[in-house]
Amino acid sequence: MAGCHSGQSTLVNSLATLLRNHGASVLDGSSTLTLQADSLQHLGRLFEQYLLSRTHQHGFLALPSHPADTASLLQLQFLFDVLQKTVSLKLINPPGSRLQSVVKIFPFKSLKSLELKRIPPHCLEDLRGVYSQLEVFTCSRSLSSLEELLSLCGGDLSSALPWLELHTLNFSYNAIVCLDESLPLSELEHLNLGYNNLQRAPTLGLSSRAKLLTLILRNNELETINGVEQLSSLQHLDLAYNLLLDHSQLAPLSMLHSLNMLNLKGNPLFFQKTHRTCTVRHLSPKAAYLRVSEREGEKNRKAEFGPSLFFS
């Protein structure tokens, strides 16, 4: 690695030292490996230059036991081996920094959890190599539509088959306007679309409708919740800080028989004096029996309407 820049050598050595000391928790998934986008770009270039052939390779890569006679290359091989086995990755781009080239995640063959922050979808490549095994996917400050990542696999621009293992999707803090029901989310149980620009409740495909347990839509621009009645297994629904004006707009809740948590704080209807009793009228009889908790400064009041559903 004689031609390697000193900054890149420092990155390799410091990251290798960190992973030799704490790599066990990264490999078993109890800790998340966090990298800046430019650091992964540097590593990717080194991997391609010194360890891999020019032919793009998919799947787990087994390297020779002694690929080189220099300590630097052995460090690089160690890093590549650990990244291939890493279970949880957080990839961030600092505020105010604009990516000048693509970020390739080809070293990561075993990912189950991926978090992206300020990574434009068109700058992310090799998602198609791991999407079918991801269980948790988080992306913030990056998106205007879900299709960019879920249907096109970011910069890969390839059609994704169903995300077979994905049960938790957190795309909060983006600029998403709507959700396409054709998205391949067959196993989804937890969906967070808070802090976006949604004006209506998302429409999911048939398979997702029956499995979704948690839907977080706080801090959007919802004027209606029509469509949530199709989410037959929904247990947790967060609609706080939207634009719901009248309790008649809560009629779809009557079909949510498994609901046990409902949050309506910050909506115009929340400030009506009869808010609590009007809301109860629109709940499913099977989901009624609720506890209502309201905090006013240091004062906490609870009213018992039954044993199971909490709403505010």
C-alpha atoms as a PDB file:
ATOM      1  CA  MET A   1       0.000   0.000   0.000  1.00  0.00           C
ATOM      2  CA  ALA A   2       2.929   2.302  -0.714  1.00  0.00           C
ATOM      3  CA  GLY A   3       0.774   4.510  -2.904  1.00  0.00           C
ATOM      4  CA  CYS A   4      -1.920   4.896  -0.271  1.00  0.00           C
ATOM      5  CA  HIS A   5      -2.490   8.388   1.162  1.00  0.00           C
ATOM      6  CA  SER A   6      -1.461   8.780   4.800  1.00  0.00           C
ATOM      7  CA  GLY A   7      -5.011   9.763   5.761  1.00  0.00           C
ATOM      8  CA  GLN A   8      -6.330   6.522   4.341  1.00  0.00           C
ATOM      9  CA  SER A   9      -3.601   4.540   6.141  1.00  0.00           C
ATOM     10  CA  THR A  10      -4.591   6.267   9.377  1.00  0.00           C
ATOM     11  CA  LEU A  11      -8.230   5.327   8.745  1.00  0.00           C
ATOM     12  CA  VAL A  12      -7.324   1.668   8.146  1.00  0.00           C
ATOM     13  CA  ASN A  13      -5.121   1.443  11.234  1.00  0.00           C
ATOM     14  CA  SER A  14      -7.494   3.236  13.598  1.00  0.00           C
ATOM     15  CA  LEU A  15     -10.567   1.295  12.448  1.00  0.00           C
ATOM     16  CA  ALA A  16      -8.680  -2.018  12.555  1.00  0.00           C
ATOM     17  CA  THR A  17      -7.524  -1.260  16.098  1.00  0.00           C
ATOM     18  CA  LEU A  18     -11.062  -0.373  17.156  1.00  0.00           C
ATOM     19  CA  LEU A  19     -12.488  -3.569  15.703  1.00  0.00           C
ATOM     20  CA  ARG A  20      -9.777  -5.775  17.158  1.00  0.00           C
ATOM     21  CA  ASN A  21     -10.664  -4.417  20.594  1.00  0.00           C
ATOM     22  CA  HIS A  22     -14.440  -4.221  20.259  1.00  0.00           C
ATOM     23  CA  GLY A  23     -15.292  -6.229  17.153  1.00  0.00           C
ATOM     24  CA  ALA A  24     -17.069  -9.048  18.986  1.00  0.00           C
ATOM     25  CA  SER A  25     -20.106  -6.878  19.742  1.00  0.00           C
ATOM     26  CA  VAL A  26     -20.216  -5.731  16.109  1.00  0.00           C
ATOM     27  CA  LEU A  27     -20.104  -9.295  14.822  1.00  0.00           C
ATOM     28  CA  ASP A  28     -22.850 -10.549  17.147  1.00  0.00           C
ATOM     29  CA  GLY A  29     -25.079  -7.577  16.329  1.00  0.00           C
ATOM     30  CA  SER A  30     -25.246  -6.134  19.845  1.00  0.00           C
ATOM     31  CA  SER A  31     -23.411  -3.008  18.616  1.00  0.00           C
ATOM     32  CA  THR A  32     -23.837  -1.009  15.427  1.00  0.00           C
ATOM     33  CA  LEU A  33     -20.843  -0.078  13.310  1.00  0.00           C
ATOM     34  CA  THR A  34     -21.084   3.642  12.470  1.00  0.00           C
ATOM     35  CA  LEU A  35     -19.097   5.034   9.550  1.00  0.00           C
ATOM     36  CA  GLN A  36     -19.025   8.366   7.774  1.00  0.00           C
ATOM     37  CA  ALA A  37     -19.767   8.088   4.066  1.00  0.00           C
ATOM     38  CA  ASP A  38     -16.374   9.415   2.997  1.00  0.00           C
ATOM     39  CA  SER A  39     -14.614   6.862   5.218  1.00  0.00           C
ATOM     40  CA  LEU A  40     -16.465   4.005   3.540  1.00  0.00           C
ATOM     41  CA  GLN A  41     -15.651   5.502   0.139  1.00  0.00           C
ATOM     42  CA  HIS A  42     -11.945   5.467   1.033  1.00  0.00           C
ATOM     43  CA  LEU A  43     -12.152   1.887   2.286  1.00  0.00           C
ATOM     44  CA  GLY A  44     -14.027   0.781  -0.807  1.00  0.00           C
ATOM     45  CA  ARG A  45     -11.373   2.170  -3.094  1.00  0.00           C
ATOM     46  CA  LEU A  46      -8.652   0.415  -1.096  1.00  0.00           C
ATOM     47  CA  PHE A  47     -10.522  -2.887  -1.148  1.00  0.00           C
ATOM     48  CA  GLU A  48     -11.007  -2.668  -4.908  1.00  0.00           C
ATOM     49  CA  GLN A  49      -7.406  -1.677  -5.553  1.00  0.00           C
ATOM     50  CA  TYR A  50      -5.573  -4.096  -3.288  1.00  0.00           C
ATOM     51  CA  LEU A  51      -7.859  -7.035  -2.515  1.00  0.00           C
ATOM     52  CA  LEU A  52     -10.443  -7.512  -5.249  1.00  0.00           C
ATOM     53  CA  SER A  53     -10.385  -8.128  -8.947  1.00  0.00           C
ATOM     54  CA  ARG A  54     -12.018  -5.574 -11.236  1.00  0.00           C
ATOM     55  CA  THR A  55     -14.917  -7.942 -11.817  1.00  0.00           C
ATOM     56  CA  HIS A  56     -17.787  -6.953  -9.570  1.00  0.00           C
ATOM     57  CA  GLN A  57     -18.473  -9.771  -7.162  1.00  0.00           C
ATOM     58  CA  HIS A  58     -21.610 -10.701  -5.276  1.00  0.00           C
ATOM     59  CA  GLY A  59     -21.961 -12.852  -2.200  1.00  0.00           C
ATOM     60  CA  PHE A  60     -19.531 -13.563   0.606  1.00  0.00           C
ATOM     61  CA  LEU A  61     -15.886 -13.273  -0.474  1.00  0.00           C
ATOM     62  CA  ALA A  62     -13.299 -15.622   1.003  1.00  0.00           C
ATOM     63  CA  LEU A  63      -9.816 -14.114   0.883  1.00  0.00           C
ATOM     64  CA  PRO A  64      -6.540 -16.072   1.058  1.00  0.00           C
ATOM     65  CA  SER A  65      -5.109 -16.565   4.533  1.00  0.00           C
ATOM     66  CA  HIS A  66      -1.968 -14.570   3.673  1.00  0.00           C
ATOM     67  CA  PRO A  67      -2.721 -12.304   0.722  1.00  0.00           C
ATOM     68  CA  ALA A  68       0.258 -10.036   1.249  1.00  0.00           C
ATOM     69  CA  ASP A  69       3.538  -9.641   3.030  1.00  0.00           C
ATOM     70  CA  THR A  70       2.939  -6.181   4.432  1.00  0.00           C
ATOM     71  CA  ALA A  71       1.311  -5.274   7.730  1.00  0.00           C
ATOM     72  CA  SER A  72      -0.881  -2.640   6.044  1.00  0.00           C
ATOM     73  CA  LEU A  73      -2.430  -5.121   3.648  1.00  0.00           C
ATOM     74  CA  LEU A  74      -3.023  -7.588   6.438  1.00  0.00           C
ATOM     75  CA  GLN A  75      -4.825  -4.809   8.316  1.00  0.00           C
ATOM     76  CA  LEU A  76      -6.911  -4.151   5.227  1.00  0.00           C
ATOM     77  CA  GLN A  77      -7.749  -7.827   4.851  1.00  0.00           C
ATOM     78  CA  PHE A  78      -8.776  -7.955   8.504  1.00  0.00           C
ATOM     79  CA  LEU A  79     -11.117  -4.988   7.972  1.00  0.00           C
ATOM     80  CA  PHE A  80     -12.668  -6.507   4.877  1.00  0.00           C
ATOM     81  CA  ASP A  81     -13.282  -9.776   6.716  1.00  0.00           C
ATOM     82  CA  VAL A  82     -14.987  -7.985   9.632  1.00  0.00           C
ATOM     83  CA  LEU A  83     -17.133  -5.814   7.364  1.00  0.00           C
ATOM     84  CA  GLN A  84     -18.332  -8.895   5.504  1.00  0.00           C
ATOM     85  CA  LYS A  85     -19.601 -10.287   8.807  1.00  0.00           C
ATOM     86  CA  THR A  86     -21.011  -7.032  10.236  1.00  0.00           C
ATOM     87  CA  VAL A  87     -24.696  -7.328  11.169  1.00  0.00           C
ATOM     88  CA  SER A  88     -25.684  -3.701  11.831  1.00  0.00           C
ATOM     89  CA  LEU A  89     -24.390  -0.617   9.976  1.00  0.00           C
ATOM     90  CA  LYS A  90     -25.087   3.108  10.381  1.00  0.00           C
ATOM     91  CA  LEU A  91     -23.840   5.232   7.509  1.00  0.00           C
ATOM     92  CA  ILE A  92     -23.885   9.010   7.906  1.00  0.00           C
ATOM     93  CA  ASN A  93     -22.986  12.088   5.912  1.00  0.00           C
ATOM     94  CA  PRO A  94     -22.243  15.145   8.108  1.00  0.00           C
ATOM     95  CA  PRO A  95     -24.510  18.231   7.881  1.00  0.00           C
ATOM     96  CA  GLY A  96     -23.467  20.598   5.124  1.00  0.00           C
ATOM     97  CA  SER A  97     -21.340  17.981   3.386  1.00  0.00           C
ATOM     98  CA  ARG A  98     -22.282  17.039  -0.167  1.00  0.00           C
ATOM     99  CA  LEU A  99     -21.285  13.647  -1.489  1.00  0.00           C
ATOM    100  CA  GLN A 100     -19.125  13.944  -4.585  1.00  0.00           C
ATOM    101  CA  SER A 101     -19.274  10.265  -5.571  1.00  0.00           C
ATOM    102  CA  VAL A 102     -21.239   7.097  -4.890  1.00  0.00           C
ATOM    103  CA  VAL A 103     -21.048   5.161  -1.626  1.00  0.00           C
ATOM    104  CA  LYS A 104     -20.669   1.427  -2.205  1.00  0.00           C
ATOM    105  CA  ILE A 105     -21.721  -1.039   0.494  1.00  0.00           C
ATOM    106  CA  PHE A 106     -20.436  -4.154  -1.322  1.00  0.00           C
ATOM    107  CA  PRO A 107     -18.167  -5.195   1.605  1.00  0.00           C
ATOM    108  CA  PHE A 108     -21.215  -5.810   3.827  1.00  0.00           C
ATOM    109  CA  LYS A 109     -22.555  -9.280   3.087  1.00  0.00           C
ATOM    110  CA  SER A 110     -24.291 -10.109   6.389  1.00  0.00           C
ATOM    111  CA  LEU A 111     -26.301  -6.978   7.149  1.00  0.00           C
ATOM    112  CA  LYS A 112     -29.599  -7.311   8.961  1.00  0.00           C
ATOM    113  CA  SER A 113     -29.915  -3.677  10.022  1.00  0.00           C
ATOM    114  CA  LEU A 114     -29.012  -0.627   7.909  1.00  0.00           C
ATOM    115  CA  GLU A 115     -29.349   3.042   8.838  1.00  0.00           C
ATOM    116  CA  LEU A 116     -28.673   5.893   6.403  1.00  0.00           C
ATOM    117  CA  LYS A 117     -28.497   9.576   7.326  1.00  0.00           C
ATOM    118  CA  ARG A 118     -28.137  12.301   4.689  1.00  0.00           C
ATOM    119  CA  ILE A 119     -27.234   9.727   2.031  1.00  0.00           C
ATOM    120  CA  PRO A 120     -29.047  10.588  -1.240  1.00  0.00           C
ATOM    121  CA  PRO A 121     -30.507   7.374  -2.692  1.00  0.00           C
ATOM    122  CA  HIS A 122     -28.799   7.841  -6.063  1.00  0.00           C
ATOM    123  CA  CYS A 123     -25.434   7.896  -4.268  1.00  0.00           C
ATOM    124  CA  LEU A 124     -25.952   4.487  -2.618  1.00  0.00           C
ATOM    125  CA  GLU A 125     -24.825   1.417  -4.560  1.00  0.00           C
ATOM    126  CA  ASP A 126     -24.899  -2.342  -3.877  1.00  0.00           C
ATOM    127  CA  LEU A 127     -28.109  -2.273  -1.821  1.00  0.00           C
ATOM    128  CA  ARG A 128     -29.413  -4.997  -4.141  1.00  0.00           C
ATOM    129  CA  GLY A 129     -26.841  -7.358  -2.638  1.00  0.00           C
ATOM    130  CA  VAL A 130     -28.375  -7.236   0.855  1.00  0.00           C
ATOM    131  CA  TYR A 131     -31.937  -5.929   0.592  1.00  0.00           C
ATOM    132  CA  SER A 132     -33.525  -9.385   0.713  1.00  0.00           C
ATOM    133  CA  GLN A 133     -31.941 -10.137   4.106  1.00  0.00           C
ATOM    134  CA  LEU A 134     -32.453  -6.764   5.834  1.00  0.00           C
ATOM    135  CA  GLU A 135     -34.744  -6.891   8.862  1.00  0.00           C
ATOM    136  CA  VAL A 136     -34.510  -3.242   9.959  1.00  0.00           C
ATOM    137  CA  PHE A 137     -34.053  -0.313   7.561  1.00  0.00           C
ATOM    138  CA  THR A 138     -33.769   3.305   8.724  1.00  0.00           C
ATOM    139  CA  CYS A 139     -33.261   6.330   6.504  1.00  0.00           C
ATOM    140  CA  SER A 140     -33.497  10.010   7.470  1.00  0.00           C
ATOM    141  CA  ARG A 141     -32.767  13.408   5.886  1.00  0.00           C
ATOM    142  CA  SER A 142     -32.468  11.737   2.479  1.00  0.00           C
ATOM    143  CA  LEU A 143     -35.736  10.888   0.727  1.00  0.00           C
ATOM    144  CA  SER A 144     -38.622  12.411  -1.165  1.00  0.00           C
ATOM    145  CA  SER A 145     -40.183   9.023  -1.989  1.00  0.00           C
ATOM    146  CA  LEU A 146     -39.890   5.467  -0.731  1.00  0.00           C
ATOM    147  CA  GLU A 147     -39.634   4.090  -4.248  1.00  0.00           C
ATOM    148  CA  GLU A 148     -36.112   5.508  -4.552  1.00  0.00           C
ATOM    149  CA  LEU A 149     -34.796   2.899  -2.140  1.00  0.00           C
ATOM    150  CA  LEU A 150     -37.449   0.213  -1.851  1.00  0.00           C
ATOM    151  CA  SER A 151     -38.274  -0.280  -5.531  1.00  0.00           C
ATOM    152  CA  LEU A 152     -35.119   0.897  -7.299  1.00  0.00           C
ATOM    153  CA  CYS A 153     -32.488  -0.049  -4.679  1.00  0.00           C
ATOM    154  CA  GLY A 154     -31.007   3.443  -4.735  1.00  0.00           C
ATOM    155  CA  GLY A 155     -28.196   3.952  -7.216  1.00  0.00           C
ATOM    156  CA  ASP A 156     -28.444   0.335  -8.400  1.00  0.00           C
ATOM    157  CA  LEU A 157     -31.603   1.269 -10.327  1.00  0.00           C
ATOM    158  CA  SER A 158     -32.711  -2.347 -10.329  1.00  0.00           C
ATOM    159  CA  SER A 159     -36.165  -3.665  -9.598  1.00  0.00           C
ATOM    160  CA  ALA A 160     -36.324  -5.127  -6.113  1.00  0.00           C
ATOM    161  CA  LEU A 161     -38.215  -8.308  -5.425  1.00  0.00           C
ATOM    162  CA  PRO A 162     -40.108  -8.475  -2.099  1.00  0.00           C
ATOM    163  CA  TRP A 163     -38.068  -7.503   0.931  1.00  0.00           C
ATOM    164  CA  LEU A 164     -38.548 -10.917   2.467  1.00  0.00           C
ATOM    165  CA  GLU A 165     -37.163 -10.247   5.959  1.00  0.00           C
ATOM    166  CA  LEU A 166     -37.915  -6.537   6.476  1.00  0.00           C
ATOM    167  CA  HIS A 167     -40.150  -6.131   9.533  1.00  0.00           C
ATOM    168  CA  THR A 168     -39.196  -2.595  10.655  1.00  0.00           C
ATOM    169  CA  LEU A 169     -39.023   0.426   8.363  1.00  0.00           C
ATOM    170  CA  ASN A 170     -38.175   3.840   9.815  1.00  0.00           C
ATOM    171  CA  PHE A 171     -38.210   6.575   7.178  1.00  0.00           C
ATOM    172  CA  SER A 172     -38.991   9.460   9.525  1.00  0.00           C
ATOM    173  CA  TYR A 173     -37.505  12.944   9.061  1.00  0.00           C
ATOM    174  CA  ASN A 174     -37.615  12.997   5.260  1.00  0.00           C
ATOM    175  CA  ALA A 175     -39.723  14.802   2.638  1.00  0.00           C
ATOM    176  CA  ILE A 176     -42.019  11.923   1.652  1.00  0.00           C
ATOM    177  CA  VAL A 177     -45.402  12.951   0.233  1.00  0.00           C
ATOM    178  CA  CYS A 178     -47.093   9.595  -0.384  1.00  0.00           C
ATOM    179  CA  LEU A 179     -46.598   5.839  -0.130  1.00  0.00           C
ATOM    180  CA  ASP A 180     -47.099   3.592  -3.129  1.00  0.00           C
ATOM    181  CA  GLU A 181     -49.097   0.448  -2.328  1.00  0.00           C
ATOM    182  CA  SER A 182     -47.104  -1.492  -4.923  1.00  0.00           C
ATOM    183  CA  LEU A 183     -43.966  -1.388  -2.762  1.00  0.00           C
ATOM    184  CA  PRO A 184     -42.646  -4.910  -2.055  1.00  0.00           C
ATOM    185  CA  LEU A 185     -43.066  -4.955   1.729  1.00  0.00           C
ATOM    186  CA  SER A 186     -44.594  -8.336   2.416  1.00  0.00           C
ATOM    187  CA  GLU A 187     -43.414  -8.842   6.029  1.00  0.00           C
ATOM    188  CA  LEU A 188     -43.634  -5.301   7.419  1.00  0.00           C
ATOM    189  CA  GLU A 189     -44.760  -5.012  11.056  1.00  0.00           C
ATOM    190  CA  HIS A 190     -43.502  -1.582  12.158  1.00  0.00           C
ATOM    191  CA  LEU A 191     -43.646   1.514   9.941  1.00  0.00           C
ATOM    192  CA  ASN A 192     -42.464   4.974  11.020  1.00  0.00           C
ATOM    193  CA  LEU A 193     -43.169   7.824   8.596  1.00  0.00           C
ATOM    194  CA  GLY A 194     -43.209  10.595  11.177  1.00  0.00           C
ATOM    195  CA  TYR A 195     -41.924  14.081  10.313  1.00  0.00           C
ATOM    196  CA  ASN A 196     -42.637  13.920   6.578  1.00  0.00           C
ATOM    197  CA  ASN A 197     -45.104  15.712   4.265  1.00  0.00           C
ATOM    198  CA  LEU A 198     -47.876  13.110   4.040  1.00  0.00           C
ATOM    199  CA  GLN A 199     -51.342  14.503   3.403  1.00  0.00           C
ATOM    200  CA  ARG A 200     -53.106  11.163   3.621  1.00  0.00           C
ATOM    201  CA  ALA A 201     -52.540   7.873   5.363  1.00  0.00           C
ATOM    202  CA  PRO A 202     -50.282   5.467   3.469  1.00  0.00           C
ATOM    203  CA  THR A 203     -51.832   2.687   1.423  1.00  0.00           C
ATOM    204  CA  LEU A 204     -50.093  -0.653   1.784  1.00  0.00           C
ATOM    205  CA  GLY A 205     -50.242  -3.811  -0.275  1.00  0.00           C
ATOM    206  CA  LEU A 206     -52.498  -6.672   0.760  1.00  0.00           C
ATOM    207  CA  SER A 207     -49.815  -8.672   2.520  1.00  0.00           C
ATOM    208  CA  SER A 208     -48.621  -5.719   4.618  1.00  0.00           C
ATOM    209  CA  ARG A 209     -52.112  -4.653   5.641  1.00  0.00           C
ATOM    210  CA  ALA A 210     -52.704  -7.816   7.637  1.00  0.00           C
ATOM    211  CA  LYS A 211     -49.304  -7.807   9.391  1.00  0.00           C
ATOM    212  CA  LEU A 212     -48.646  -4.177  10.317  1.00  0.00           C
ATOM    213  CA  LEU A 213     -48.665  -3.679  14.097  1.00  0.00           C
ATOM    214  CA  THR A 214     -47.242  -0.152  14.483  1.00  0.00           C
ATOM    215  CA  LEU A 215     -47.859   2.923  12.327  1.00  0.00           C
ATOM    216  CA  ILE A 216     -46.269   6.254  13.287  1.00  0.00           C
ATOM    217  CA  LEU A 217     -47.477   9.265  11.279  1.00  0.00           C
ATOM    218  CA  ARG A 218     -46.810  12.111  13.720  1.00  0.00           C
ATOM    219  CA  ASN A 219     -45.851  15.554  12.451  1.00  0.00           C
ATOM    220  CA  ASN A 220     -47.203  15.241   8.924  1.00  0.00           C
ATOM    221  CA  GLU A 221     -49.993  17.131   7.155  1.00  0.00           C
ATOM    222  CA  LEU A 222     -52.794  14.587   7.451  1.00  0.00           C
ATOM    223  CA  GLU A 223     -56.293  15.916   6.990  1.00  0.00           C
ATOM    224  CA  THR A 224     -57.814  12.435   6.819  1.00  0.00           C
ATOM    225  CA  ILE A 225     -56.974   8.960   8.051  1.00  0.00           C
ATOM    226  CA  ASN A 226     -59.071   7.100   5.487  1.00  0.00           C
ATOM    227  CA  GLY A 227     -57.358   3.837   4.671  1.00  0.00           C
ATOM    228  CA  VAL A 228     -56.131   2.892   8.141  1.00  0.00           C
ATOM    229  CA  GLU A 229     -59.235   0.756   8.554  1.00  0.00           C
ATOM    230  CA  GLN A 230     -57.560  -1.773   6.238  1.00  0.00           C
ATOM    231  CA  LEU A 231     -54.775  -2.391   8.764  1.00  0.00           C
ATOM    232  CA  SER A 232     -56.592  -5.164  10.549  1.00  0.00           C
ATOM    233  CA  SER A 233     -53.806  -6.084  13.001  1.00  0.00           C
ATOM    234  CA  LEU A 234     -52.766  -2.549  13.948  1.00  0.00           C
ATOM    235  CA  GLN A 235     -52.017  -2.096  17.654  1.00  0.00           C
ATOM    236  CA  HIS A 236     -50.160   1.228  17.855  1.00  0.00           C
ATOM    237  CA  LEU A 237     -51.232   4.315  15.884  1.00  0.00           C
ATOM    238  CA  ASP A 238     -49.508   7.675  16.362  1.00  0.00           C
ATOM    239  CA  LEU A 239     -51.279  10.569  14.607  1.00  0.00           C
ATOM    240  CA  ALA A 240     -49.952  13.393  16.791  1.00  0.00           C
ATOM    241  CA  TYR A 241     -49.434  16.887  15.364  1.00  0.00           C
ATOM    242  CA  ASN A 242     -51.342  16.596  12.121  1.00  0.00           C
ATOM    243  CA  LEU A 243     -54.298  18.590  10.744  1.00  0.00           C
ATOM    244  CA  LEU A 244     -57.281  16.513  11.892  1.00  0.00           C
ATOM    245  CA  LEU A 245     -60.074  19.013  12.541  1.00  0.00           C
ATOM    246  CA  ASP A 246     -63.143  17.037  13.505  1.00  0.00           C
ATOM    247  CA  HIS A 247     -63.756  13.805  15.380  1.00  0.00           C
ATOM    248  CA  SER A 248     -65.900  12.515  12.516  1.00  0.00           C
ATOM    249  CA  GLN A 249     -62.611  12.047  10.671  1.00  0.00           C
ATOM    250  CA  LEU A 250     -61.780   9.290  13.164  1.00  0.00           C
ATOM    251  CA  ALA A 251     -64.495   6.979  11.820  1.00  0.00           C
ATOM    252  CA  PRO A 252     -61.951   4.526  10.289  1.00  0.00           C
ATOM    253  CA  LEU A 253     -60.759   3.690  13.830  1.00  0.00           C
ATOM    254  CA  SER A 254     -63.924   1.679  14.376  1.00  0.00           C
ATOM    255  CA  MET A 255     -62.450  -1.123  12.261  1.00  0.00           C
ATOM    256  CA  LEU A 256     -59.197  -1.386  14.238  1.00  0.00           C
ATOM    257  CA  HIS A 257     -60.199  -4.084  16.700  1.00  0.00           C
ATOM    258  CA  SER A 258     -56.683  -4.727  18.030  1.00  0.00           C
ATOM    259  CA  LEU A 259     -55.748  -1.106  18.691  1.00  0.00           C
ATOM    260  CA  ASN A 260     -54.250  -0.494  22.152  1.00  0.00           C
ATOM    261  CA  MET A 261     -52.350   2.773  21.663  1.00  0.00           C
ATOM    262  CA  LEU A 262     -53.644   5.927  19.943  1.00  0.00           C
ATOM    263  CA  ASN A 263     -51.970   9.355  19.978  1.00  0.00           C
ATOM    264  CA  LEU A 264     -53.875  12.403  18.708  1.00  0.00           C
ATOM    265  CA  LYS A 265     -52.007  15.184  20.503  1.00  0.00           C
ATOM    266  CA  GLY A 266     -51.488  18.466  18.696  1.00  0.00           C
ATOM    267  CA  ASN A 267     -54.298  18.030  16.176  1.00  0.00           C
ATOM    268  CA  PRO A 268     -56.996  20.759  16.153  1.00  0.00           C
ATOM    269  CA  LEU A 269     -59.566  18.237  17.421  1.00  0.00           C
ATOM    270  CA  PHE A 270     -57.369  17.481  20.444  1.00  0.00           C
ATOM    271  CA  PHE A 271     -58.133  20.928  21.903  1.00  0.00           C
ATOM    272  CA  GLN A 272     -61.910  20.484  21.910  1.00  0.00           C
ATOM    273  CA  LYS A 273     -63.380  20.122  25.393  1.00  0.00           C
ATOM    274  CA  THR A 274     -65.190  16.929  24.437  1.00  0.00           C
ATOM    275  CA  HIS A 275     -62.140  15.398  22.739  1.00  0.00           C
ATOM    276  CA  ARG A 276     -61.894  12.301  24.893  1.00  0.00           C
ATOM    277  CA  THR A 277     -65.534  11.292  24.851  1.00  0.00           C
ATOM    278  CA  CYS A 278     -65.881  12.083  21.135  1.00  0.00           C
ATOM    279  CA  THR A 279     -62.872   9.947  20.337  1.00  0.00           C
ATOM    280  CA  VAL A 280     -64.206   6.981  22.289  1.00  0.00           C
ATOM    281  CA  ARG A 281     -67.355   6.980  20.155  1.00  0.00           C
ATOM    282  CA  HIS A 282     -65.280   6.163  17.077  1.00  0.00           C
ATOM    283  CA  LEU A 283     -63.294   3.292  18.582  1.00  0.00           C
ATOM    284  CA  SER A 284     -64.001  -0.336  17.918  1.00  0.00           C
ATOM    285  CA  PRO A 285     -66.045  -1.886  20.761  1.00  0.00           C
ATOM    286  CA  LYS A 286     -63.447  -4.649  20.828  1.00  0.00           C
ATOM    287  CA  ALA A 287     -60.671  -2.126  21.320  1.00  0.00           C
ATOM    288  CA  ALA A 288     -62.515   0.131  23.767  1.00  0.00           C
ATOM    289  CA  TYR A 289     -61.776  -0.446  27.482  1.00  0.00           C
ATOM    290  CA  LEU A 290     -59.218   2.284  27.472  1.00  0.00           C
ATOM    291  CA  ARG A 291     -57.106   4.322  29.821  1.00  0.00           C
ATOM    292  CA  VAL A 292     -56.830   7.987  28.907  1.00  0.00           C
ATOM    293  CA  SER A 293     -53.849   9.893  30.247  1.00  0.00           C
ATOM    294  CA  GLU A 294     -53.454  13.644  29.969  1.00  0.00           C
ATOM    295  CA  ARG A 295     -50.452  15.596  31.258  1.00  0.00           C
ATOM    296  CA  GLU A 296     -50.863  19.289  32.037  1.00  0.00           C
ATOM    297  CA  GLY A 297     -47.554  20.665  33.284  1.00  0.00           C
ATOM    298  CA  GLU A 298     -46.804  18.695  36.441  1.00  0.00           C
ATOM    299  CA  LYS A 299     -50.373  17.457  36.701  1.00  0.00           C
ATOM    300  CA  ASN A 300     -51.185  13.973  35.479  1.00  0.00           C
ATOM    301  CA  ARG A 301     -54.813  12.897  35.216  1.00  0.00           C
ATOM    302  CA  LYS A 302     -56.096   9.461  34.287  1.00  0.00           C
ATOM    303  CA  ALA A 303     -59.618   8.444  33.430  1.00  0.00           C
ATOM    304  CA  GLU A 304     -60.568   4.785  33.242  1.00  0.00           C
ATOM    305  CA  PHE A 305     -62.712   3.743  30.314  1.00  0.00           C
ATOM    306  CA  GLY A 306     -61.636   0.081  30.387  1.00  0.00           C
ATOM    307  CA  PRO A 307     -58.548  -2.135  30.592  1.00  0.00           C
ATOM    308  CA  SER A 308     -56.686  -2.134  27.317  1.00  0.00           C
ATOM    309  CA  LEU A 309     -56.543   0.884  24.978  1.00  0.00           C
ATOM    310  CA  PHE A 310     -54.426   3.931  25.827  1.00  0.00           C
ATOM    311  CA  PHE A 311     -54.943   7.143  23.906  1.00  0.00           C
ATOM    312  CA  SER A 312     -54.107  10.801  24.220  1.00  0.00           C
END
